Amino acid sequence: MTEQRWRVECEIVKANLPNFYPFECSFGGGRRIYIGFKGLHEKRGKQYEIKVIAPKDTYPLLAPRVFITPTIDRRYLEADGAVSIFKEWIPTRDTFANMTLIGIQYINENMEGLWKSI
């Protein structure tokens, strides 16, 4: 990923998702660097942390993964705990912000479903 792309991604998130901020981390002894955004989304008085993360060396060619804590419904999670998202990823168009909005939508829709079933 280019520095210019990262700056644009940060600007998009800052302008549209003020509760989210960029981060960088590594796993497994620091061999691979991950980048992304994380923040809180509140629904019905409960706070959820959303992390949207991707390996720096594969982004934007591959879509970032969306993780939500606490988990709402395990039926819709991948083996690594990421939310299963069925969306065509177009690297020249899609952004971390798009995936963050999908995470927010997932929370909103699933909370509505939970409340309707009570």
PDB file of N, CA and C in Angstrom:
ATOM      1  N   MET A   1       0.844  -1.172   0.000  1.00  0.00           N
ATOM      2  CA  MET A   1       0.000   0.000   0.000  1.00  0.00           C
ATOM      3  C   MET A   1       0.892   1.239   0.000  1.00  0.00           C
ATOM      4  N   THR A   2       0.484   2.216  -0.757  1.00  0.00           N
ATOM      5  CA  THR A   2       1.259   3.438  -0.829  1.00  0.00           C
ATOM      6  C   THR A   2       0.932   4.360   0.339  1.00  0.00           C
ATOM      7  N   GLU A   3       1.856   5.238   0.659  1.00  0.00           N
ATOM      8  CA  GLU A   3       1.629   6.225   1.717  1.00  0.00           C
ATOM      9  C   GLU A   3       0.465   7.145   1.357  1.00  0.00           C
ATOM     10  N   GLN A   4       0.343   7.480   0.077  1.00  0.00           N
ATOM     11  CA  GLN A   4      -0.758   8.341  -0.365  1.00  0.00           C
ATOM     12  C   GLN A   4      -2.101   7.664  -0.117  1.00  0.00           C
ATOM     13  N   ARG A   5      -2.203   6.379  -0.431  1.00  0.00           N
ATOM     14  CA  ARG A   5      -3.461   5.647  -0.200  1.00  0.00           C
ATOM     15  C   ARG A   5      -3.793   5.647   1.297  1.00  0.00           C
ATOM     16  N   TRP A   6      -2.790   5.419   2.147  1.00  0.00           N
ATOM     17  CA  TRP A   6      -3.024   5.393   3.584  1.00  0.00           C
ATOM     18  C   TRP A   6      -3.503   6.761   4.084  1.00  0.00           C
ATOM     19  N   ARG A   7      -2.888   7.835   3.592  1.00  0.00           N
ATOM     20  CA  ARG A   7      -3.317   9.186   3.988  1.00  0.00           C
ATOM     21  C   ARG A   7      -4.768   9.434   3.593  1.00  0.00           C
ATOM     22  N   VAL A   8      -5.139   9.035   2.390  1.00  0.00           N
ATOM     23  CA  VAL A   8      -6.517   9.214   1.921  1.00  0.00           C
ATOM     24  C   VAL A   8      -7.472   8.383   2.778  1.00  0.00           C
ATOM     25  N   GLU A   9      -7.106   7.145   3.059  1.00  0.00           N
ATOM     26  CA  GLU A   9      -7.943   6.288   3.898  1.00  0.00           C
ATOM     27  C   GLU A   9      -8.158   6.950   5.268  1.00  0.00           C
ATOM     28  N   CYS A  10      -7.090   7.468   5.857  1.00  0.00           N
ATOM     29  CA  CYS A  10      -7.190   8.128   7.164  1.00  0.00           C
ATOM     30  C   CYS A  10      -8.098   9.349   7.092  1.00  0.00           C
ATOM     31  N   GLU A  11      -7.988  10.120   6.032  1.00  0.00           N
ATOM     32  CA  GLU A  11      -8.838  11.307   5.870  1.00  0.00           C
ATOM     33  C   GLU A  11     -10.313  10.919   5.738  1.00  0.00           C
ATOM     34  N   ILE A  12     -10.593   9.865   4.983  1.00  0.00           N
ATOM     35  CA  ILE A  12     -11.970   9.410   4.796  1.00  0.00           C
ATOM     36  C   ILE A  12     -12.579   8.991   6.132  1.00  0.00           C
ATOM     37  N   VAL A  13     -11.826   8.200   6.886  1.00  0.00           N
ATOM     38  CA  VAL A  13     -12.340   7.731   8.180  1.00  0.00           C
ATOM     39  C   VAL A  13     -12.513   8.906   9.138  1.00  0.00           C
ATOM     40  N   LYS A  14     -11.540   9.781   9.201  1.00  0.00           N
ATOM     41  CA  LYS A  14     -11.623  10.929  10.117  1.00  0.00           C
ATOM     42  C   LYS A  14     -12.839  11.802   9.800  1.00  0.00           C
ATOM     43  N   ALA A  15     -13.123  12.015   8.530  1.00  0.00           N
ATOM     44  CA  ALA A  15     -14.236  12.874   8.123  1.00  0.00           C
ATOM     45  C   ALA A  15     -15.603  12.223   8.330  1.00  0.00           C
ATOM     46  N   ASN A  16     -15.672  10.901   8.209  1.00  0.00           N
ATOM     47  CA  ASN A  16     -16.967  10.227   8.212  1.00  0.00           C
ATOM     48  C   ASN A  16     -17.241   9.338   9.422  1.00  0.00           C
ATOM     49  N   LEU A  17     -16.190   8.955  10.115  1.00  0.00           N
ATOM     50  CA  LEU A  17     -16.331   8.051  11.265  1.00  0.00           C
ATOM     51  C   LEU A  17     -15.466   8.578  12.409  1.00  0.00           C
ATOM     52  N   PRO A  18     -15.885   9.670  13.031  1.00  0.00           N
ATOM     53  CA  PRO A  18     -15.034  10.334  14.022  1.00  0.00           C
ATOM     54  C   PRO A  18     -14.714   9.502  15.262  1.00  0.00           C
ATOM     55  N   ASN A  19     -15.455   8.428  15.510  1.00  0.00           N
ATOM     56  CA  ASN A  19     -15.176   7.564  16.661  1.00  0.00           C
ATOM     57  C   ASN A  19     -14.125   6.500  16.365  1.00  0.00           C
ATOM     58  N   PHE A  20     -13.571   6.524  15.160  1.00  0.00           N
ATOM     59  CA  PHE A  20     -12.594   5.515  14.750  1.00  0.00           C
ATOM     60  C   PHE A  20     -11.242   6.154  14.494  1.00  0.00           C
ATOM     61  N   TYR A  21     -10.194   5.388  14.774  1.00  0.00           N
ATOM     62  CA  TYR A  21      -8.837   5.912  14.584  1.00  0.00           C
ATOM     63  C   TYR A  21      -7.934   4.816  14.007  1.00  0.00           C
ATOM     64  N   PRO A  22      -6.871   5.231  13.322  1.00  0.00           N
ATOM     65  CA  PRO A  22      -5.973   4.258  12.691  1.00  0.00           C
ATOM     66  C   PRO A  22      -5.062   3.587  13.717  1.00  0.00           C
ATOM     67  N   PHE A  23      -4.624   2.391  13.380  1.00  0.00           N
ATOM     68  CA  PHE A  23      -3.638   1.691  14.207  1.00  0.00           C
ATOM     69  C   PHE A  23      -2.772   0.806  13.330  1.00  0.00           C
ATOM     70  N   GLU A  24      -1.647   0.415  13.887  1.00  0.00           N
ATOM     71  CA  GLU A  24      -0.718  -0.504  13.236  1.00  0.00           C
ATOM     72  C   GLU A  24      -0.234  -1.463  14.304  1.00  0.00           C
ATOM     73  N   CYS A  25      -0.127  -2.736  13.947  1.00  0.00           N
ATOM     74  CA  CYS A  25       0.342  -3.730  14.911  1.00  0.00           C
ATOM     75  C   CYS A  25       1.014  -4.883  14.166  1.00  0.00           C
ATOM     76  N   SER A  26       1.587  -5.792  14.931  1.00  0.00           N
ATOM     77  CA  SER A  26       2.187  -6.979  14.334  1.00  0.00           C
ATOM     78  C   SER A  26       1.843  -8.185  15.204  1.00  0.00           C
ATOM     79  N   PHE A  27       1.841  -9.343  14.579  1.00  0.00           N
ATOM     80  CA  PHE A  27       1.577 -10.597  15.278  1.00  0.00           C
ATOM     81  C   PHE A  27       2.689 -11.570  14.938  1.00  0.00           C
ATOM     82  N   GLY A  28       2.829 -12.593  15.729  1.00  0.00           N
ATOM     83  CA  GLY A  28       3.784 -13.649  15.428  1.00  0.00           C
ATOM     84  C   GLY A  28       5.216 -13.176  15.359  1.00  0.00           C
ATOM     85  N   GLY A  29       5.646 -12.413  16.331  1.00  0.00           N
ATOM     86  CA  GLY A  29       7.032 -11.963  16.362  1.00  0.00           C
ATOM     87  C   GLY A  29       7.322 -10.785  15.455  1.00  0.00           C
ATOM     88  N   GLY A  30       6.294 -10.109  15.001  1.00  0.00           N
ATOM     89  CA  GLY A  30       6.493  -8.893  14.225  1.00  0.00           C
ATOM     90  C   GLY A  30       6.858  -9.088  12.766  1.00  0.00           C
ATOM     91  N   ARG A  31       6.714 -10.297  12.278  1.00  0.00           N
ATOM     92  CA  ARG A  31       7.089 -10.552  10.880  1.00  0.00           C
ATOM     93  C   ARG A  31       6.148  -9.903   9.885  1.00  0.00           C
ATOM     94  N   ARG A  32       4.911  -9.733  10.285  1.00  0.00           N
ATOM     95  CA  ARG A  32       3.921  -9.159   9.376  1.00  0.00           C
ATOM     96  C   ARG A  32       3.253  -7.982  10.057  1.00  0.00           C
ATOM     97  N   ILE A  33       3.196  -6.876   9.343  1.00  0.00           N
ATOM     98  CA  ILE A  33       2.590  -5.655   9.865  1.00  0.00           C
ATOM     99  C   ILE A  33       1.137  -5.588   9.398  1.00  0.00           C
ATOM    100  N   TYR A  34       0.251  -5.270  10.337  1.00  0.00           N
ATOM    101  CA  TYR A  34      -1.165  -5.090  10.047  1.00  0.00           C
ATOM    102  C   TYR A  34      -1.546  -3.639  10.287  1.00  0.00           C
ATOM    103  N   ILE A  35      -2.455  -3.148   9.471  1.00  0.00           N
ATOM    104  CA  ILE A  35      -2.960  -1.782   9.606  1.00  0.00           C
ATOM    105  C   ILE A  35      -4.475  -1.841   9.658  1.00  0.00           C
ATOM    106  N   GLY A  36      -5.060  -0.780  10.152  1.00  0.00           N
ATOM    107  CA  GLY A  36      -6.510  -0.752  10.170  1.00  0.00           C
ATOM    108  C   GLY A  36      -7.050   0.396  10.989  1.00  0.00           C
ATOM    109  N   PHE A  37      -8.317   0.266  11.334  1.00  0.00           N
ATOM    110  CA  PHE A  37      -9.020   1.273  12.124  1.00  0.00           C
ATOM    111  C   PHE A  37      -9.834   0.554  13.179  1.00  0.00           C
ATOM    112  N   LYS A  38      -9.968   1.201  14.325  1.00  0.00           N
ATOM    113  CA  LYS A  38     -10.820   0.647  15.361  1.00  0.00           C
ATOM    114  C   LYS A  38     -11.541   1.772  16.080  1.00  0.00           C
ATOM    115  N   GLY A  39     -12.672   1.405  16.652  1.00  0.00           N
ATOM    116  CA  GLY A  39     -13.463   2.387  17.363  1.00  0.00           C
ATOM    117  C   GLY A  39     -14.683   1.742  17.970  1.00  0.00           C
ATOM    118  N   LEU A  40     -15.493   2.562  18.601  1.00  0.00           N
ATOM    119  CA  LEU A  40     -16.683   2.074  19.291  1.00  0.00           C
ATOM    120  C   LEU A  40     -17.953   2.498  18.566  1.00  0.00           C
ATOM    121  N   HIS A  41     -18.917   1.603  18.592  1.00  0.00           N
ATOM    122  CA  HIS A  41     -20.252   1.890  18.069  1.00  0.00           C
ATOM    123  C   HIS A  41     -21.247   1.477  19.140  1.00  0.00           C
ATOM    124  N   GLU A  42     -22.169   2.355  19.449  1.00  0.00           N
ATOM    125  CA  GLU A  42     -23.155   2.065  20.472  1.00  0.00           C
ATOM    126  C   GLU A  42     -24.515   1.777  19.847  1.00  0.00           C
ATOM    127  N   LYS A  43     -25.153   0.741  20.372  1.00  0.00           N
ATOM    128  CA  LYS A  43     -26.493   0.383  19.916  1.00  0.00           C
ATOM    129  C   LYS A  43     -27.294  -0.087  21.124  1.00  0.00           C
ATOM    130  N   ARG A  44     -28.418   0.570  21.351  1.00  0.00           N
ATOM    131  CA  ARG A  44     -29.309   0.226  22.461  1.00  0.00           C
ATOM    132  C   ARG A  44     -28.582   0.225  23.801  1.00  0.00           C
ATOM    133  N   GLY A  45     -27.704   1.210  23.998  1.00  0.00           N
ATOM    134  CA  GLY A  45     -27.001   1.364  25.260  1.00  0.00           C
ATOM    135  C   GLY A  45     -25.814   0.438  25.462  1.00  0.00           C
ATOM    136  N   LYS A  46     -25.476  -0.364  24.482  1.00  0.00           N
ATOM    137  CA  LYS A  46     -24.346  -1.289  24.586  1.00  0.00           C
ATOM    138  C   LYS A  46     -23.258  -0.867  23.602  1.00  0.00           C
ATOM    139  N   GLN A  47     -22.011  -0.883  24.063  1.00  0.00           N
ATOM    140  CA  GLN A  47     -20.903  -0.496  23.190  1.00  0.00           C
ATOM    141  C   GLN A  47     -20.244  -1.723  22.573  1.00  0.00           C
ATOM    142  N   TYR A  48     -19.944  -1.590  21.293  1.00  0.00           N
ATOM    143  CA  TYR A  48     -19.248  -2.623  20.542  1.00  0.00           C
ATOM    144  C   TYR A  48     -17.970  -2.035  19.975  1.00  0.00           C
ATOM    145  N   GLU A  49     -16.883  -2.786  20.099  1.00  0.00           N
ATOM    146  CA  GLU A  49     -15.632  -2.366  19.473  1.00  0.00           C
ATOM    147  C   GLU A  49     -15.567  -3.014  18.095  1.00  0.00           C
ATOM    148  N   ILE A  50     -15.296  -2.195  17.108  1.00  0.00           N
ATOM    149  CA  ILE A  50     -15.129  -2.686  15.741  1.00  0.00           C
ATOM    150  C   ILE A  50     -13.676  -2.464  15.347  1.00  0.00           C
ATOM    151  N   LYS A  51     -13.034  -3.527  14.874  1.00  0.00           N
ATOM    152  CA  LYS A  51     -11.678  -3.443  14.326  1.00  0.00           C
ATOM    153  C   LYS A  51     -11.741  -3.898  12.880  1.00  0.00           C
ATOM    154  N   VAL A  52     -11.211  -3.081  12.014  1.00  0.00           N
ATOM    155  CA  VAL A  52     -11.124  -3.428  10.595  1.00  0.00           C
ATOM    156  C   VAL A  52      -9.630  -3.477  10.295  1.00  0.00           C
ATOM    157  N   ILE A  53      -9.142  -4.646   9.922  1.00  0.00           N
ATOM    158  CA  ILE A  53      -7.700  -4.871   9.878  1.00  0.00           C
ATOM    159  C   ILE A  53      -7.286  -5.647   8.625  1.00  0.00           C
ATOM    160  N   ALA A  54      -6.088  -5.316   8.115  1.00  0.00           N
ATOM    161  CA  ALA A  54      -5.552  -6.010   6.935  1.00  0.00           C
ATOM    162  C   ALA A  54      -4.032  -6.045   7.012  1.00  0.00           C
ATOM    163  N   PRO A  55      -3.422  -7.086   6.465  1.00  0.00           N
ATOM    164  CA  PRO A  55      -1.968  -7.077   6.358  1.00  0.00           C
ATOM    165  C   PRO A  55      -1.545  -5.922   5.450  1.00  0.00           C
ATOM    166  N   LYS A  56      -0.571  -5.173   5.889  1.00  0.00           N
ATOM    167  CA  LYS A  56      -0.119  -4.003   5.124  1.00  0.00           C
ATOM    168  C   LYS A  56       0.372  -4.398   3.735  1.00  0.00           C
ATOM    169  N   ASP A  57       0.958  -5.586   3.621  1.00  0.00           N
ATOM    170  CA  ASP A  57       1.533  -5.993   2.339  1.00  0.00           C
ATOM    171  C   ASP A  57       0.510  -6.508   1.328  1.00  0.00           C
ATOM    172  N   THR A  58      -0.736  -6.740   1.754  1.00  0.00           N
ATOM    173  CA  THR A  58      -1.746  -7.215   0.804  1.00  0.00           C
ATOM    174  C   THR A  58      -2.870  -6.209   0.570  1.00  0.00           C
ATOM    175  N   TYR A  59      -2.890  -5.134   1.343  1.00  0.00           N
ATOM    176  CA  TYR A  59      -3.955  -4.141   1.199  1.00  0.00           C
ATOM    177  C   TYR A  59      -3.535  -3.105   0.163  1.00  0.00           C
ATOM    178  N   PRO A  60      -4.377  -2.720  -0.754  1.00  0.00           N
ATOM    179  CA  PRO A  60      -5.807  -2.960  -0.881  1.00  0.00           C
ATOM    180  C   PRO A  60      -6.190  -4.120  -1.801  1.00  0.00           C
ATOM    181  N   LEU A  61      -5.235  -4.936  -2.216  1.00  0.00           N
ATOM    182  CA  LEU A  61      -5.595  -6.034  -3.123  1.00  0.00           C
ATOM    183  C   LEU A  61      -6.594  -6.996  -2.495  1.00  0.00           C
ATOM    184  N   LEU A  62      -6.454  -7.242  -1.191  1.00  0.00           N
ATOM    185  CA  LEU A  62      -7.386  -8.100  -0.481  1.00  0.00           C
ATOM    186  C   LEU A  62      -8.166  -7.272   0.527  1.00  0.00           C
ATOM    187  N   ALA A  63      -9.424  -7.613   0.707  1.00  0.00           N
ATOM    188  CA  ALA A  63     -10.292  -6.868   1.625  1.00  0.00           C
ATOM    189  C   ALA A  63      -9.841  -7.032   3.070  1.00  0.00           C
ATOM    190  N   PRO A  64     -10.000  -5.975   3.858  1.00  0.00           N
ATOM    191  CA  PRO A  64      -9.708  -6.107   5.284  1.00  0.00           C
ATOM    192  C   PRO A  64     -10.766  -6.960   5.976  1.00  0.00           C
ATOM    193  N   ARG A  65     -10.423  -7.461   7.150  1.00  0.00           N
ATOM    194  CA  ARG A  65     -11.325  -8.289   7.951  1.00  0.00           C
ATOM    195  C   ARG A  65     -11.987  -7.409   9.006  1.00  0.00           C
ATOM    196  N   VAL A  66     -13.215  -7.742   9.372  1.00  0.00           N
ATOM    197  CA  VAL A  66     -13.977  -6.984  10.362  1.00  0.00           C
ATOM    198  C   VAL A  66     -14.189  -7.857  11.594  1.00  0.00           C
ATOM    199  N   PHE A  67     -13.757  -7.344  12.752  1.00  0.00           N
ATOM    200  CA  PHE A  67     -13.922  -8.035  14.023  1.00  0.00           C
ATOM    201  C   PHE A  67     -14.767  -7.162  14.947  1.00  0.00           C
ATOM    202  N   ILE A  68     -15.726  -7.764  15.626  1.00  0.00           N
ATOM    203  CA  ILE A  68     -16.623  -7.035  16.523  1.00  0.00           C
ATOM    204  C   ILE A  68     -16.601  -7.704  17.892  1.00  0.00           C
ATOM    205  N   THR A  69     -16.393  -6.876  18.923  1.00  0.00           N
ATOM    206  CA  THR A  69     -16.385  -7.351  20.305  1.00  0.00           C
ATOM    207  C   THR A  69     -17.347  -6.507  21.120  1.00  0.00           C
ATOM    208  N   PRO A  70     -18.232  -7.071  21.915  1.00  0.00           N
ATOM    209  CA  PRO A  70     -18.467  -8.505  22.055  1.00  0.00           C
ATOM    210  C   PRO A  70     -19.189  -9.071  20.832  1.00  0.00           C
ATOM    211  N   THR A  71     -19.060 -10.363  20.660  1.00  0.00           N
ATOM    212  CA  THR A  71     -19.683 -11.062  19.547  1.00  0.00           C
ATOM    213  C   THR A  71     -21.210 -11.036  19.688  1.00  0.00           C
ATOM    214  N   ILE A  72     -21.882 -10.813  18.584  1.00  0.00           N
ATOM    215  CA  ILE A  72     -23.340 -10.790  18.597  1.00  0.00           C
ATOM    216  C   ILE A  72     -23.903 -12.172  18.288  1.00  0.00           C
ATOM    217  N   ASP A  73     -23.447 -12.793  17.214  1.00  0.00           N
ATOM    218  CA  ASP A  73     -23.998 -14.068  16.780  1.00  0.00           C
ATOM    219  C   ASP A  73     -22.885 -14.882  16.126  1.00  0.00           C
ATOM    220  N   ARG A  74     -22.445 -15.924  16.773  1.00  0.00           N
ATOM    221  CA  ARG A  74     -21.323 -16.730  16.284  1.00  0.00           C
ATOM    222  C   ARG A  74     -21.614 -17.445  14.960  1.00  0.00           C
ATOM    223  N   ARG A  75     -22.867 -17.555  14.582  1.00  0.00           N
ATOM    224  CA  ARG A  75     -23.203 -18.232  13.318  1.00  0.00           C
ATOM    225  C   ARG A  75     -22.647 -17.490  12.111  1.00  0.00           C
ATOM    226  N   TYR A  76     -22.345 -16.203  12.270  1.00  0.00           N
ATOM    227  CA  TYR A  76     -21.892 -15.400  11.140  1.00  0.00           C
ATOM    228  C   TYR A  76     -20.410 -15.041  11.242  1.00  0.00           C
ATOM    229  N   LEU A  77     -19.640 -15.882  11.930  1.00  0.00           N
ATOM    230  CA  LEU A  77     -18.214 -15.624  12.087  1.00  0.00           C
ATOM    231  C   LEU A  77     -17.385 -16.642  11.316  1.00  0.00           C
ATOM    232  N   GLU A  78     -16.253 -16.151  10.806  1.00  0.00           N
ATOM    233  CA  GLU A  78     -15.260 -17.025  10.188  1.00  0.00           C
ATOM    234  C   GLU A  78     -14.479 -17.731  11.303  1.00  0.00           C
ATOM    235  N   ALA A  79     -13.634 -18.680  10.945  1.00  0.00           N
ATOM    236  CA  ALA A  79     -12.867 -19.438  11.932  1.00  0.00           C
ATOM    237  C   ALA A  79     -11.963 -18.535  12.793  1.00  0.00           C
ATOM    238  N   ASP A  80     -11.474 -17.426  12.214  1.00  0.00           N
ATOM    239  CA  ASP A  80     -10.594 -16.519  12.964  1.00  0.00           C
ATOM    240  C   ASP A  80     -11.363 -15.485  13.787  1.00  0.00           C
ATOM    241  N   GLY A  81     -12.700 -15.556  13.774  1.00  0.00           N
ATOM    242  CA  GLY A  81     -13.516 -14.623  14.545  1.00  0.00           C
ATOM    243  C   GLY A  81     -14.001 -13.416  13.763  1.00  0.00           C
ATOM    244  N   ALA A  82     -13.566 -13.280  12.519  1.00  0.00           N
ATOM    245  CA  ALA A  82     -14.023 -12.160  11.688  1.00  0.00           C
ATOM    246  C   ALA A  82     -15.472 -12.385  11.259  1.00  0.00           C
ATOM    247  N   VAL A  83     -16.186 -11.293  11.062  1.00  0.00           N
ATOM    248  CA  VAL A  83     -17.562 -11.369  10.576  1.00  0.00           C
ATOM    249  C   VAL A  83     -17.545 -11.833   9.122  1.00  0.00           C
ATOM    250  N   SER A  84     -18.402 -12.792   8.784  1.00  0.00           N
ATOM    251  CA  SER A  84     -18.522 -13.246   7.392  1.00  0.00           C
ATOM    252  C   SER A  84     -19.185 -12.137   6.584  1.00  0.00           C
ATOM    253  N   ILE A  85     -18.490 -11.675   5.574  1.00  0.00           N
ATOM    254  CA  ILE A  85     -19.006 -10.589   4.738  1.00  0.00           C
ATOM    255  C   ILE A  85     -19.002 -11.057   3.292  1.00  0.00           C
ATOM    256  N   PHE A  86     -20.170 -11.028   2.687  1.00  0.00           N
ATOM    257  CA  PHE A  86     -20.299 -11.420   1.289  1.00  0.00           C
ATOM    258  C   PHE A  86     -20.484 -10.155   0.469  1.00  0.00           C
ATOM    259  N   LYS A  87     -19.379  -9.575   0.086  1.00  0.00           N
ATOM    260  CA  LYS A  87     -19.378  -8.327  -0.670  1.00  0.00           C
ATOM    261  C   LYS A  87     -18.223  -8.382  -1.654  1.00  0.00           C
ATOM    262  N   GLU A  88     -18.500  -8.010  -2.879  1.00  0.00           N
ATOM    263  CA  GLU A  88     -17.416  -7.936  -3.851  1.00  0.00           C
ATOM    264  C   GLU A  88     -16.480  -6.808  -3.436  1.00  0.00           C
ATOM    265  N   TRP A  89     -15.184  -7.103  -3.370  1.00  0.00           N
ATOM    266  CA  TRP A  89     -14.168  -6.129  -2.994  1.00  0.00           C
ATOM    267  C   TRP A  89     -13.499  -5.615  -4.259  1.00  0.00           C
ATOM    268  N   ILE A  90     -13.566  -4.314  -4.485  1.00  0.00           N
ATOM    269  CA  ILE A  90     -12.914  -3.690  -5.639  1.00  0.00           C
ATOM    270  C   ILE A  90     -11.824  -2.766  -5.096  1.00  0.00           C
ATOM    271  N   PRO A  91     -10.560  -3.180  -5.193  1.00  0.00           N
ATOM    272  CA  PRO A  91      -9.456  -2.449  -4.560  1.00  0.00           C
ATOM    273  C   PRO A  91      -9.339  -0.979  -4.961  1.00  0.00           C
ATOM    274  N   THR A  92      -9.718  -0.652  -6.174  1.00  0.00           N
ATOM    275  CA  THR A  92      -9.600   0.744  -6.618  1.00  0.00           C
ATOM    276  C   THR A  92     -10.730   1.619  -6.112  1.00  0.00           C
ATOM    277  N   ARG A  93     -11.783   1.000  -5.589  1.00  0.00           N
ATOM    278  CA  ARG A  93     -12.942   1.749  -5.128  1.00  0.00           C
ATOM    279  C   ARG A  93     -13.186   1.631  -3.629  1.00  0.00           C
ATOM    280  N   ASP A  94     -13.047   0.428  -3.081  1.00  0.00           N
ATOM    281  CA  ASP A  94     -13.425   0.165  -1.702  1.00  0.00           C
ATOM    282  C   ASP A  94     -12.330   0.573  -0.720  1.00  0.00           C
ATOM    283  N   THR A  95     -12.762   0.864   0.511  1.00  0.00           N
ATOM    284  CA  THR A  95     -11.842   1.391   1.527  1.00  0.00           C
ATOM    285  C   THR A  95     -12.122   0.743   2.885  1.00  0.00           C
ATOM    286  N   PHE A  96     -11.223   1.021   3.834  1.00  0.00           N
ATOM    287  CA  PHE A  96     -11.459   0.613   5.216  1.00  0.00           C
ATOM    288  C   PHE A  96     -12.783   1.184   5.717  1.00  0.00           C
ATOM    289  N   ALA A  97     -13.100   2.407   5.319  1.00  0.00           N
ATOM    290  CA  ALA A  97     -14.347   3.039   5.764  1.00  0.00           C
ATOM    291  C   ALA A  97     -15.561   2.237   5.302  1.00  0.00           C
ATOM    292  N   ASN A  98     -15.533   1.727   4.071  1.00  0.00           N
ATOM    293  CA  ASN A  98     -16.635   0.885   3.578  1.00  0.00           C
ATOM    294  C   ASN A  98     -16.842  -0.322   4.490  1.00  0.00           C
ATOM    295  N   MET A  99     -15.751  -0.973   4.843  1.00  0.00           N
ATOM    296  CA  MET A  99     -15.839  -2.164   5.675  1.00  0.00           C
ATOM    297  C   MET A  99     -16.267  -1.824   7.102  1.00  0.00           C
ATOM    298  N   THR A 100     -15.854  -0.665   7.586  1.00  0.00           N
ATOM    299  CA  THR A 100     -16.282  -0.222   8.916  1.00  0.00           C
ATOM    300  C   THR A 100     -17.790  -0.001   8.919  1.00  0.00           C
ATOM    301  N   LEU A 101     -18.305   0.615   7.873  1.00  0.00           N
ATOM    302  CA  LEU A 101     -19.759   0.829   7.771  1.00  0.00           C
ATOM    303  C   LEU A 101     -20.515  -0.496   7.708  1.00  0.00           C
ATOM    304  N   ILE A 102     -19.929  -1.500   7.071  1.00  0.00           N
ATOM    305  CA  ILE A 102     -20.551  -2.823   7.035  1.00  0.00           C
ATOM    306  C   ILE A 102     -20.595  -3.405   8.449  1.00  0.00           C
ATOM    307  N   GLY A 103     -19.530  -3.205   9.223  1.00  0.00           N
ATOM    308  CA  GLY A 103     -19.522  -3.652  10.614  1.00  0.00           C
ATOM    309  C   GLY A 103     -20.606  -2.965  11.427  1.00  0.00           C
ATOM    310  N   ILE A 104     -20.752  -1.660  11.240  1.00  0.00           N
ATOM    311  CA  ILE A 104     -21.806  -0.913  11.935  1.00  0.00           C
ATOM    312  C   ILE A 104     -23.182  -1.416  11.515  1.00  0.00           C
ATOM    313  N   GLN A 105     -23.370  -1.642  10.233  1.00  0.00           N
ATOM    314  CA  GLN A 105     -24.647  -2.156   9.731  1.00  0.00           C
ATOM    315  C   GLN A 105     -24.937  -3.533  10.324  1.00  0.00           C
ATOM    316  N   TYR A 106     -23.930  -4.382  10.419  1.00  0.00           N
ATOM    317  CA  TYR A 106     -24.088  -5.714  10.995  1.00  0.00           C
ATOM    318  C   TYR A 106     -24.601  -5.612  12.436  1.00  0.00           C
ATOM    319  N   ILE A 107     -24.003  -4.726  13.228  1.00  0.00           N
ATOM    320  CA  ILE A 107     -24.446  -4.532  14.610  1.00  0.00           C
ATOM    321  C   ILE A 107     -25.891  -4.043  14.638  1.00  0.00           C
ATOM    322  N   ASN A 108     -26.167  -3.009  13.868  1.00  0.00           N
ATOM    323  CA  ASN A 108     -27.519  -2.431  13.871  1.00  0.00           C
ATOM    324  C   ASN A 108     -28.581  -3.443  13.476  1.00  0.00           C
ATOM    325  N   GLU A 109     -28.333  -4.201  12.415  1.00  0.00           N
ATOM    326  CA  GLU A 109     -29.326  -5.161  11.930  1.00  0.00           C
ATOM    327  C   GLU A 109     -29.482  -6.340  12.873  1.00  0.00           C
ATOM    328  N   ASN A 110     -28.384  -6.817  13.434  1.00  0.00           N
ATOM    329  CA  ASN A 110     -28.472  -7.957  14.327  1.00  0.00           C
ATOM    330  C   ASN A 110     -29.092  -7.594  15.662  1.00  0.00           C
ATOM    331  N   MET A 111     -28.845  -6.386  16.141  1.00  0.00           N
ATOM    332  CA  MET A 111     -29.477  -5.948  17.387  1.00  0.00           C
ATOM    333  C   MET A 111     -30.972  -5.776  17.179  1.00  0.00           C
ATOM    334  N   GLU A 112     -31.366  -5.268  16.030  1.00  0.00           N
ATOM    335  CA  GLU A 112     -32.797  -5.129  15.742  1.00  0.00           C
ATOM    336  C   GLU A 112     -33.454  -6.499  15.735  1.00  0.00           C
ATOM    337  N   GLY A 113     -32.790  -7.484  15.112  1.00  0.00           N
ATOM    338  CA  GLY A 113     -33.325  -8.838  15.062  1.00  0.00           C
ATOM    339  C   GLY A 113     -33.439  -9.448  16.440  1.00  0.00           C
ATOM    340  N   LEU A 114     -32.437  -9.213  17.284  1.00  0.00           N
ATOM    341  CA  LEU A 114     -32.480  -9.751  18.642  1.00  0.00           C
ATOM    342  C   LEU A 114     -33.639  -9.146  19.435  1.00  0.00           C
ATOM    343  N   TRP A 115     -33.815  -7.844  19.269  1.00  0.00           N
ATOM    344  CA  TRP A 115     -34.880  -7.179  20.026  1.00  0.00           C
ATOM    345  C   TRP A 115     -36.258  -7.584  19.518  1.00  0.00           C
ATOM    346  N   LYS A 116     -36.400  -7.823  18.228  1.00  0.00           N
ATOM    347  CA  LYS A 116     -37.698  -8.220  17.692  1.00  0.00           C
ATOM    348  C   LYS A 116     -38.096  -9.607  18.153  1.00  0.00           C
ATOM    349  N   SER A 117     -37.099 -10.462  18.426  1.00  0.00           N
ATOM    350  CA  SER A 117     -37.411 -11.829  18.799  1.00  0.00           C
ATOM    351  C   SER A 117     -37.712 -11.993  20.285  1.00  0.00           C
ATOM    352  N   ILE A 118     -37.531 -10.941  21.071  1.00  0.00           N
ATOM    353  CA  ILE A 118     -37.764 -11.031  22.530  1.00  0.00           C
ATOM    354  C   ILE A 118     -39.224 -10.800  22.843  1.00  0.00           C
TER     355      ILE A 118
END
